[in-house]
Amino acid sequence: MSTGIWIVIVVLALILGFVGGFFAARKYMEDYLKKNPPINEQMLRTMMIQMGQKPSEKKLHQMMASMKANMSKK
């Protein structure tokens, strides 16, 4: 085989590897964030207290439901 064909094959392999790796990493991170959300009710309660608000259970549940709805849309 000539050198030009080898270069084309290597370039195509690199491009396919980058594209495949990008989509695999993206899928992995989406699944990871669904299983391990970055914020939970305890963290939300702590943030509200630090901001000077008195967190009620109803408000906490509403905020968590809102965050979950936003994550499922994406």
Protein backbone atom coordinates (compact mmCIF):
# COMPACT_ATOMS: atom_id res chain seq x y z
CA MET A 1 0.00 0.00 0.00
CA SER A 2 1.13 3.50 -0.63
CA THR A 3 1.87 6.03 2.06
CA GLY A 4 -1.10 8.19 1.07
CA ILE A 5 -3.59 5.40 1.73
CA TRP A 6 -2.07 4.76 5.17
CA ILE A 7 -2.38 8.42 6.07
CA VAL A 8 -6.04 8.47 5.00
CA ILE A 9 -6.77 5.32 7.04
CA VAL A 10 -5.07 6.75 10.14
CA VAL A 11 -6.89 10.08 9.84
CA LEU A 12 -10.26 8.34 9.39
CA ALA A 13 -9.57 6.10 12.39
CA LEU A 14 -8.71 9.12 14.54
CA ILE A 15 -11.84 10.98 13.49
CA LEU A 16 -14.07 7.95 14.15
CA GLY A 17 -12.37 7.43 17.52
CA PHE A 18 -12.93 11.02 18.59
CA VAL A 19 -16.57 11.02 17.50
CA GLY A 20 -17.27 7.64 19.12
CA GLY A 21 -15.48 8.64 22.31
CA PHE A 22 -17.39 11.89 22.55
CA PHE A 23 -20.79 10.21 22.31
CA ALA A 24 -19.80 7.39 24.67
CA ALA A 25 -18.56 9.88 27.28
CA ARG A 26 -21.69 12.00 26.88
CA LYS A 27 -23.98 8.98 27.40
CA TYR A 28 -21.95 7.87 30.43
CA MET A 29 -22.18 11.30 32.07
CA GLU A 30 -25.93 11.58 31.44
CA ASP A 31 -26.50 8.19 33.08
CA TYR A 32 -24.19 9.06 35.96
CA LEU A 33 -25.98 12.34 36.67
CA LYS A 34 -29.39 10.63 36.58
CA LYS A 35 -28.24 8.06 39.14
CA ASN A 36 -26.30 10.57 41.27
CA PRO A 37 -27.96 13.96 41.05
CA PRO A 38 -25.65 16.82 41.96
CA ILE A 39 -28.05 18.20 44.56
CA ASN A 40 -30.35 16.52 47.07
CA GLU A 41 -32.92 17.75 49.59
CA GLN A 42 -30.39 18.04 52.41
CA MET A 43 -28.10 20.22 50.29
CA LEU A 44 -31.06 22.32 49.19
CA ARG A 45 -32.18 22.77 52.81
CA THR A 46 -28.67 23.84 53.83
CA MET A 47 -28.47 26.37 51.00
CA MET A 48 -31.84 27.87 51.91
CA ILE A 49 -30.82 28.22 55.56
CA GLN A 50 -27.57 29.91 54.51
CA MET A 51 -29.57 32.34 52.38
CA GLY A 52 -31.68 33.22 55.41
CA GLN A 53 -34.85 31.40 54.34
CA LYS A 54 -36.83 29.00 56.48
CA PRO A 55 -37.23 25.87 54.34
CA SER A 56 -40.61 24.20 54.56
CA GLU A 57 -41.04 20.59 53.42
CA LYS A 58 -43.55 21.69 50.78
CA LYS A 59 -41.15 24.20 49.28
CA LEU A 60 -38.29 21.69 49.31
CA HIS A 61 -40.39 19.09 47.52
CA GLN A 62 -41.54 21.67 44.95
CA MET A 63 -37.97 22.73 44.22
CA MET A 64 -36.75 19.13 43.91
CA ALA A 65 -39.65 18.26 41.57
CA SER A 66 -38.84 21.32 39.49
CA MET A 67 -35.17 20.34 39.24
CA LYS A 68 -36.05 16.75 38.28
CA ALA A 69 -38.48 17.99 35.62
CA ASN A 70 -35.76 20.23 34.16
CA MET A 71 -33.27 17.35 34.07
CA SER A 72 -35.72 15.01 32.34
CA LYS A 73 -36.40 17.58 29.59
CA LYS A 74 -32.76 17.60 28.54
